[in-house]
Amino acid sequence: MSIEPVWIKSSYSTNEDANCVEIAWHKSSYSTNEGAECIEVAETTAAVLVRDSKDKSGPHLTFSPAAWQAFVSFARATA
């Protein structure tokens, strides 16, 4: 994952609202600008979100932190 997060402010938040919601998406360090299969990941305490970096407003997948960790461990072991 990249080190610098990209903060996205919720479309439901207003400039006057002190309780706005933001989420930080991290682009995979294995992704390149030319890459056809790039993903971004955002982590919260309750879930890990995954989306296509080329379709930021499109759908995303949601995993529990435990399920995401199991996937990452599996991917590292088979790489």
PDB file of N, CA and C in Angstrom:
ATOM      1  N   MET A   1       0.832  -1.173   0.000  1.00  0.00           N
ATOM      2  CA  MET A   1       0.000   0.000   0.000  1.00  0.00           C
ATOM      3  C   MET A   1       0.880   1.240   0.000  1.00  0.00           C
ATOM      4  N   SER A   2       0.347   2.305  -0.578  1.00  0.00           N
ATOM      5  CA  SER A   2       1.104   3.547  -0.546  1.00  0.00           C
ATOM      6  C   SER A   2       1.082   4.126   0.860  1.00  0.00           C
ATOM      7  N   ILE A   3       2.038   4.970   1.152  1.00  0.00           N
ATOM      8  CA  ILE A   3       2.147   5.533   2.492  1.00  0.00           C
ATOM      9  C   ILE A   3       1.176   6.690   2.693  1.00  0.00           C
ATOM     10  N   GLU A   4       0.997   7.528   1.684  1.00  0.00           N
ATOM     11  CA  GLU A   4       0.154   8.707   1.816  1.00  0.00           C
ATOM     12  C   GLU A   4      -1.302   8.383   1.488  1.00  0.00           C
ATOM     13  N   PRO A   5      -2.211   8.558   2.447  1.00  0.00           N
ATOM     14  CA  PRO A   5      -3.631   8.315   2.162  1.00  0.00           C
ATOM     15  C   PRO A   5      -4.233   9.470   1.378  1.00  0.00           C
ATOM     16  N   VAL A   6      -5.287   9.184   0.644  1.00  0.00           N
ATOM     17  CA  VAL A   6      -6.054  10.202  -0.058  1.00  0.00           C
ATOM     18  C   VAL A   6      -7.369  10.343   0.686  1.00  0.00           C
ATOM     19  N   TRP A   7      -7.600  11.495   1.298  1.00  0.00           N
ATOM     20  CA  TRP A   7      -8.790  11.704   2.119  1.00  0.00           C
ATOM     21  C   TRP A   7      -9.947  12.141   1.244  1.00  0.00           C
ATOM     22  N   ILE A   8     -11.078  11.488   1.393  1.00  0.00           N
ATOM     23  CA  ILE A   8     -12.291  11.790   0.643  1.00  0.00           C
ATOM     24  C   ILE A   8     -13.370  12.221   1.622  1.00  0.00           C
ATOM     25  N   LYS A   9     -13.920  13.422   1.433  1.00  0.00           N
ATOM     26  CA  LYS A   9     -14.981  13.911   2.306  1.00  0.00           C
ATOM     27  C   LYS A   9     -16.316  13.361   1.804  1.00  0.00           C
ATOM     28  N   SER A  10     -17.138  12.916   2.714  1.00  0.00           N
ATOM     29  CA  SER A  10     -18.440  12.373   2.371  1.00  0.00           C
ATOM     30  C   SER A  10     -19.292  13.419   1.662  1.00  0.00           C
ATOM     31  N   SER A  11     -20.028  12.997   0.650  1.00  0.00           N
ATOM     32  CA  SER A  11     -20.937  13.915  -0.045  1.00  0.00           C
ATOM     33  C   SER A  11     -22.086  14.346   0.863  1.00  0.00           C
ATOM     34  N   TYR A  12     -22.286  13.666   1.981  1.00  0.00           N
ATOM     35  CA  TYR A  12     -23.328  14.030   2.933  1.00  0.00           C
ATOM     36  C   TYR A  12     -22.851  15.095   3.924  1.00  0.00           C
ATOM     37  N   SER A  13     -21.583  15.403   3.908  1.00  0.00           N
ATOM     38  CA  SER A  13     -21.028  16.402   4.813  1.00  0.00           C
ATOM     39  C   SER A  13     -21.133  17.783   4.175  1.00  0.00           C
ATOM     40  N   THR A  14     -21.358  18.783   4.997  1.00  0.00           N
ATOM     41  CA  THR A  14     -21.391  20.162   4.517  1.00  0.00           C
ATOM     42  C   THR A  14     -20.201  20.911   5.092  1.00  0.00           C
ATOM     43  N   ASN A  15     -19.917  22.062   4.532  1.00  0.00           N
ATOM     44  CA  ASN A  15     -18.797  22.863   5.034  1.00  0.00           C
ATOM     45  C   ASN A  15     -19.081  23.401   6.429  1.00  0.00           C
ATOM     46  N   GLU A  16     -20.352  23.574   6.783  1.00  0.00           N
ATOM     47  CA  GLU A  16     -20.711  24.095   8.098  1.00  0.00           C
ATOM     48  C   GLU A  16     -20.745  23.002   9.168  1.00  0.00           C
ATOM     49  N   ASP A  17     -20.787  21.752   8.770  1.00  0.00           N
ATOM     50  CA  ASP A  17     -20.935  20.642   9.701  1.00  0.00           C
ATOM     51  C   ASP A  17     -19.575  20.232  10.259  1.00  0.00           C
ATOM     52  N   ALA A  18     -19.422  20.343  11.559  1.00  0.00           N
ATOM     53  CA  ALA A  18     -18.156  19.957  12.200  1.00  0.00           C
ATOM     54  C   ALA A  18     -18.007  18.439  12.287  1.00  0.00           C
ATOM     55  N   ASN A  19     -19.088  17.705  12.072  1.00  0.00           N
ATOM     56  CA  ASN A  19     -19.066  16.253  12.201  1.00  0.00           C
ATOM     57  C   ASN A  19     -19.015  15.571  10.835  1.00  0.00           C
ATOM     58  N   CYS A  20     -18.216  16.095   9.914  1.00  0.00           N
ATOM     59  CA  CYS A  20     -18.145  15.486   8.595  1.00  0.00           C
ATOM     60  C   CYS A  20     -17.416  14.145   8.668  1.00  0.00           C
ATOM     61  N   VAL A  21     -17.659  13.326   7.672  1.00  0.00           N
ATOM     62  CA  VAL A  21     -17.074  11.984   7.613  1.00  0.00           C
ATOM     63  C   VAL A  21     -16.070  11.946   6.473  1.00  0.00           C
ATOM     64  N   GLU A  22     -14.893  11.427   6.757  1.00  0.00           N
ATOM     65  CA  GLU A  22     -13.878  11.267   5.725  1.00  0.00           C
ATOM     66  C   GLU A  22     -13.328   9.853   5.801  1.00  0.00           C
ATOM     67  N   ILE A  23     -12.842   9.374   4.674  1.00  0.00           N
ATOM     68  CA  ILE A  23     -12.222   8.051   4.629  1.00  0.00           C
ATOM     69  C   ILE A  23     -10.952   8.168   3.795  1.00  0.00           C
ATOM     70  N   ALA A  24      -9.927   7.454   4.167  1.00  0.00           N
ATOM     71  CA  ALA A  24      -8.642   7.516   3.455  1.00  0.00           C
ATOM     72  C   ALA A  24      -8.474   6.260   2.600  1.00  0.00           C
ATOM     73  N   TRP A  25      -8.346   6.458   1.301  1.00  0.00           N
ATOM     74  CA  TRP A  25      -8.111   5.358   0.371  1.00  0.00           C
ATOM     75  C   TRP A  25      -6.615   5.286   0.086  1.00  0.00           C
ATOM     76  N   HIS A  26      -6.068   4.076   0.117  1.00  0.00           N
ATOM     77  CA  HIS A  26      -4.653   3.832  -0.176  1.00  0.00           C
ATOM     78  C   HIS A  26      -4.572   3.044  -1.476  1.00  0.00           C
ATOM     79  N   LYS A  27      -3.768   3.532  -2.413  1.00  0.00           N
ATOM     80  CA  LYS A  27      -3.563   2.799  -3.662  1.00  0.00           C
ATOM     81  C   LYS A  27      -2.450   1.786  -3.456  1.00  0.00           C
ATOM     82  N   SER A  28      -2.616   0.614  -3.982  1.00  0.00           N
ATOM     83  CA  SER A  28      -1.609  -0.430  -3.851  1.00  0.00           C
ATOM     84  C   SER A  28      -0.274   0.026  -4.417  1.00  0.00           C
ATOM     85  N   SER A  29       0.806  -0.281  -3.714  1.00  0.00           N
ATOM     86  CA  SER A  29       2.140   0.070  -4.207  1.00  0.00           C
ATOM     87  C   SER A  29       2.501  -0.754  -5.439  1.00  0.00           C
ATOM     88  N   TYR A  30       1.772  -1.822  -5.700  1.00  0.00           N
ATOM     89  CA  TYR A  30       1.997  -2.634  -6.888  1.00  0.00           C
ATOM     90  C   TYR A  30       1.272  -2.080  -8.106  1.00  0.00           C
ATOM     91  N   SER A  31       0.411  -1.089  -7.897  1.00  0.00           N
ATOM     92  CA  SER A  31      -0.325  -0.474  -8.993  1.00  0.00           C
ATOM     93  C   SER A  31       0.540   0.592  -9.646  1.00  0.00           C
ATOM     94  N   THR A  32       0.426   0.695 -10.944  1.00  0.00           N
ATOM     95  CA  THR A  32       1.110   1.743 -11.685  1.00  0.00           C
ATOM     96  C   THR A  32       0.062   2.600 -12.363  1.00  0.00           C
ATOM     97  N   ASN A  33       0.463   3.756 -12.857  1.00  0.00           N
ATOM     98  CA  ASN A  33      -0.485   4.614 -13.567  1.00  0.00           C
ATOM     99  C   ASN A  33      -1.023   3.937 -14.808  1.00  0.00           C
ATOM    100  N   GLU A  34      -0.233   3.059 -15.412  1.00  0.00           N
ATOM    101  CA  GLU A  34      -0.665   2.359 -16.622  1.00  0.00           C
ATOM    102  C   GLU A  34      -1.363   1.045 -16.300  1.00  0.00           C
ATOM    103  N   GLY A  35      -1.343   0.637 -15.040  1.00  0.00           N
ATOM    104  CA  GLY A  35      -1.852  -0.682 -14.660  1.00  0.00           C
ATOM    105  C   GLY A  35      -3.323  -0.857 -14.963  1.00  0.00           C
ATOM    106  N   ALA A  36      -3.670  -2.002 -15.472  1.00  0.00           N
ATOM    107  CA  ALA A  36      -5.059  -2.294 -15.814  1.00  0.00           C
ATOM    108  C   ALA A  36      -5.816  -2.867 -14.618  1.00  0.00           C
ATOM    109  N   GLU A  37      -5.107  -3.305 -13.586  1.00  0.00           N
ATOM    110  CA  GLU A  37      -5.761  -3.952 -12.455  1.00  0.00           C
ATOM    111  C   GLU A  37      -5.329  -3.300 -11.147  1.00  0.00           C
ATOM    112  N   CYS A  38      -5.725  -2.053 -10.947  1.00  0.00           N
ATOM    113  CA  CYS A  38      -5.346  -1.307  -9.753  1.00  0.00           C
ATOM    114  C   CYS A  38      -6.489  -1.305  -8.749  1.00  0.00           C
ATOM    115  N   ILE A  39      -6.128  -1.406  -7.480  1.00  0.00           N
ATOM    116  CA  ILE A  39      -7.138  -1.311  -6.436  1.00  0.00           C
ATOM    117  C   ILE A  39      -6.722  -0.271  -5.410  1.00  0.00           C
ATOM    118  N   GLU A  40      -7.709   0.212  -4.679  1.00  0.00           N
ATOM    119  CA  GLU A  40      -7.483   1.081  -3.544  1.00  0.00           C
ATOM    120  C   GLU A  40      -8.207   0.470  -2.354  1.00  0.00           C
ATOM    121  N   VAL A  41      -7.642   0.657  -1.177  1.00  0.00           N
ATOM    122  CA  VAL A  41      -8.191   0.085   0.051  1.00  0.00           C
ATOM    123  C   VAL A  41      -8.364   1.188   1.080  1.00  0.00           C
ATOM    124  N   ALA A  42      -9.483   1.160   1.794  1.00  0.00           N
ATOM    125  CA  ALA A  42      -9.718   2.071   2.918  1.00  0.00           C
ATOM    126  C   ALA A  42     -10.062   1.213   4.124  1.00  0.00           C
ATOM    127  N   GLU A  43      -9.416   1.507   5.243  1.00  0.00           N
ATOM    128  CA  GLU A  43      -9.644   0.725   6.459  1.00  0.00           C
ATOM    129  C   GLU A  43     -10.329   1.571   7.519  1.00  0.00           C
ATOM    130  N   THR A  44     -11.339   0.997   8.145  1.00  0.00           N
ATOM    131  CA  THR A  44     -11.977   1.595   9.310  1.00  0.00           C
ATOM    132  C   THR A  44     -11.882   0.555  10.428  1.00  0.00           C
ATOM    133  N   THR A  45     -12.346   0.891  11.604  1.00  0.00           N
ATOM    134  CA  THR A  45     -12.297  -0.091  12.687  1.00  0.00           C
ATOM    135  C   THR A  45     -13.278  -1.232  12.447  1.00  0.00           C
ATOM    136  N   ALA A  46     -14.319  -0.986  11.670  1.00  0.00           N
ATOM    137  CA  ALA A  46     -15.357  -1.998  11.468  1.00  0.00           C
ATOM    138  C   ALA A  46     -15.257  -2.739  10.143  1.00  0.00           C
ATOM    139  N   ALA A  47     -14.558  -2.166   9.154  1.00  0.00           N
ATOM    140  CA  ALA A  47     -14.557  -2.773   7.827  1.00  0.00           C
ATOM    141  C   ALA A  47     -13.341  -2.347   7.021  1.00  0.00           C
ATOM    142  N   VAL A  48     -13.057  -3.138   5.987  1.00  0.00           N
ATOM    143  CA  VAL A  48     -12.046  -2.804   4.995  1.00  0.00           C
ATOM    144  C   VAL A  48     -12.775  -2.713   3.662  1.00  0.00           C
ATOM    145  N   LEU A  49     -12.625  -1.569   2.986  1.00  0.00           N
ATOM    146  CA  LEU A  49     -13.295  -1.326   1.713  1.00  0.00           C
ATOM    147  C   LEU A  49     -12.277  -1.439   0.592  1.00  0.00           C
ATOM    148  N   VAL A  50     -12.681  -2.016  -0.530  1.00  0.00           N
ATOM    149  CA  VAL A  50     -11.802  -2.196  -1.684  1.00  0.00           C
ATOM    150  C   VAL A  50     -12.553  -1.697  -2.913  1.00  0.00           C
ATOM    151  N   ARG A  51     -11.861  -0.896  -3.745  1.00  0.00           N
ATOM    152  CA  ARG A  51     -12.495  -0.388  -4.969  1.00  0.00           C
ATOM    153  C   ARG A  51     -11.489  -0.351  -6.108  1.00  0.00           C
ATOM    154  N   ASP A  52     -12.013  -0.218  -7.307  1.00  0.00           N
ATOM    155  CA  ASP A  52     -11.207  -0.071  -8.517  1.00  0.00           C
ATOM    156  C   ASP A  52     -10.700   1.366  -8.557  1.00  0.00           C
ATOM    157  N   SER A  53      -9.396   1.557  -8.650  1.00  0.00           N
ATOM    158  CA  SER A  53      -8.836   2.910  -8.613  1.00  0.00           C
ATOM    159  C   SER A  53      -9.223   3.733  -9.834  1.00  0.00           C
ATOM    160  N   LYS A  54      -9.643   3.084 -10.905  1.00  0.00           N
ATOM    161  CA  LYS A  54     -10.038   3.808 -12.107  1.00  0.00           C
ATOM    162  C   LYS A  54     -11.509   4.204 -12.083  1.00  0.00           C
ATOM    163  N   ASP A  55     -12.279   3.682 -11.136  1.00  0.00           N
ATOM    164  CA  ASP A  55     -13.719   3.965 -11.036  1.00  0.00           C
ATOM    165  C   ASP A  55     -14.036   4.326  -9.587  1.00  0.00           C
ATOM    166  N   LYS A  56     -13.529   5.467  -9.144  1.00  0.00           N
ATOM    167  CA  LYS A  56     -13.621   5.854  -7.740  1.00  0.00           C
ATOM    168  C   LYS A  56     -15.057   6.028  -7.244  1.00  0.00           C
ATOM    169  N   SER A  57     -15.968   6.375  -8.118  1.00  0.00           N
ATOM    170  CA  SER A  57     -17.360   6.544  -7.691  1.00  0.00           C
ATOM    171  C   SER A  57     -18.175   5.267  -7.903  1.00  0.00           C
ATOM    172  N   GLY A  58     -17.542   4.238  -8.401  1.00  0.00           N
ATOM    173  CA  GLY A  58     -18.226   2.977  -8.651  1.00  0.00           C
ATOM    174  C   GLY A  58     -18.392   2.152  -7.385  1.00  0.00           C
ATOM    175  N   PRO A  59     -18.809   0.919  -7.536  1.00  0.00           N
ATOM    176  CA  PRO A  59     -19.050   0.059  -6.368  1.00  0.00           C
ATOM    177  C   PRO A  59     -17.751  -0.316  -5.660  1.00  0.00           C
ATOM    178  N   HIS A  60     -17.895  -0.748  -4.429  1.00  0.00           N
ATOM    179  CA  HIS A  60     -16.745  -1.232  -3.667  1.00  0.00           C
ATOM    180  C   HIS A  60     -17.156  -2.507  -2.933  1.00  0.00           C
ATOM    181  N   LEU A  61     -16.154  -3.267  -2.559  1.00  0.00           N
ATOM    182  CA  LEU A  61     -16.359  -4.473  -1.762  1.00  0.00           C
ATOM    183  C   LEU A  61     -16.090  -4.138  -0.310  1.00  0.00           C
ATOM    184  N   THR A  62     -16.801  -4.785   0.599  1.00  0.00           N
ATOM    185  CA  THR A  62     -16.616  -4.560   2.030  1.00  0.00           C
ATOM    186  C   THR A  62     -16.280  -5.886   2.691  1.00  0.00           C
ATOM    187  N   PHE A  63     -15.197  -5.883   3.476  1.00  0.00           N
ATOM    188  CA  PHE A  63     -14.752  -7.075   4.189  1.00  0.00           C
ATOM    189  C   PHE A  63     -14.626  -6.764   5.672  1.00  0.00           C
ATOM    190  N   SER A  64     -14.782  -7.769   6.498  1.00  0.00           N
ATOM    191  CA  SER A  64     -14.460  -7.583   7.909  1.00  0.00           C
ATOM    192  C   SER A  64     -12.939  -7.502   8.008  1.00  0.00           C
ATOM    193  N   PRO A  65     -12.403  -6.841   9.030  1.00  0.00           N
ATOM    194  CA  PRO A  65     -10.940  -6.804   9.169  1.00  0.00           C
ATOM    195  C   PRO A  65     -10.313  -8.201   9.225  1.00  0.00           C
ATOM    196  N   ALA A  66     -10.975  -9.150   9.867  1.00  0.00           N
ATOM    197  CA  ALA A  66     -10.436 -10.515   9.956  1.00  0.00           C
ATOM    198  C   ALA A  66     -10.416 -11.191   8.586  1.00  0.00           C
ATOM    199  N   ALA A  67     -11.466 -11.009   7.798  1.00  0.00           N
ATOM    200  CA  ALA A  67     -11.508 -11.608   6.462  1.00  0.00           C
ATOM    201  C   ALA A  67     -10.448 -10.989   5.565  1.00  0.00           C
ATOM    202  N   TRP A  68     -10.256  -9.677   5.667  1.00  0.00           N
ATOM    203  CA  TRP A  68      -9.229  -9.012   4.853  1.00  0.00           C
ATOM    204  C   TRP A  68      -7.840  -9.503   5.241  1.00  0.00           C
ATOM    205  N   GLN A  69      -7.580  -9.636   6.524  1.00  0.00           N
ATOM    206  CA  GLN A  69      -6.272 -10.113   6.979  1.00  0.00           C
ATOM    207  C   GLN A  69      -6.023 -11.535   6.497  1.00  0.00           C
ATOM    208  N   ALA A  70      -7.042 -12.367   6.515  1.00  0.00           N
ATOM    209  CA  ALA A  70      -6.899 -13.741   6.007  1.00  0.00           C
ATOM    210  C   ALA A  70      -6.568 -13.727   4.518  1.00  0.00           C
ATOM    211  N   PHE A  71      -7.234 -12.854   3.753  1.00  0.00           N
ATOM    212  CA  PHE A  71      -6.951 -12.742   2.324  1.00  0.00           C
ATOM    213  C   PHE A  71      -5.516 -12.279   2.084  1.00  0.00           C
ATOM    214  N   VAL A  72      -5.082 -11.240   2.793  1.00  0.00           N
ATOM    215  CA  VAL A  72      -3.728 -10.716   2.621  1.00  0.00           C
ATOM    216  C   VAL A  72      -2.692 -11.776   2.971  1.00  0.00           C
ATOM    217  N   SER A  73      -2.916 -12.512   4.055  1.00  0.00           N
ATOM    218  CA  SER A  73      -1.992 -13.580   4.448  1.00  0.00           C
ATOM    219  C   SER A  73      -1.921 -14.663   3.389  1.00  0.00           C
ATOM    220  N   PHE A  74      -3.064 -15.038   2.843  1.00  0.00           N
ATOM    221  CA  PHE A  74      -3.114 -16.035   1.775  1.00  0.00           C
ATOM    222  C   PHE A  74      -2.383 -15.537   0.541  1.00  0.00           C
ATOM    223  N   ALA A  75      -2.634 -14.285   0.152  1.00  0.00           N
ATOM    224  CA  ALA A  75      -1.986 -13.724  -1.041  1.00  0.00           C
ATOM    225  C   ALA A  75      -0.471 -13.671  -0.880  1.00  0.00           C
ATOM    226  N   ARG A  76      -0.002 -13.297   0.294  1.00  0.00           N
ATOM    227  CA  ARG A  76       1.449 -13.244   0.530  1.00  0.00           C
ATOM    228  C   ARG A  76       2.060 -14.639   0.478  1.00  0.00           C
ATOM    229  N   ALA A  77       1.353 -15.632   1.002  1.00  0.00           N
ATOM    230  CA  ALA A  77       1.883 -16.996   1.051  1.00  0.00           C
ATOM    231  C   ALA A  77       1.944 -17.628  -0.338  1.00  0.00           C
ATOM    232  N   THR A  78       1.083 -17.192  -1.254  1.00  0.00           N
ATOM    233  CA  THR A  78       1.057 -17.805  -2.582  1.00  0.00           C
ATOM    234  C   THR A  78       1.777 -16.967  -3.620  1.00  0.00           C
ATOM    235  N   ALA A  79       2.303 -15.809  -3.225  1.00  0.00           N
ATOM    236  CA  ALA A  79       2.981 -14.926  -4.206  1.00  0.00           C
ATOM    237  C   ALA A  79       4.362 -15.424  -4.530  1.00  0.00           C
TER     238      ALA A  79
END
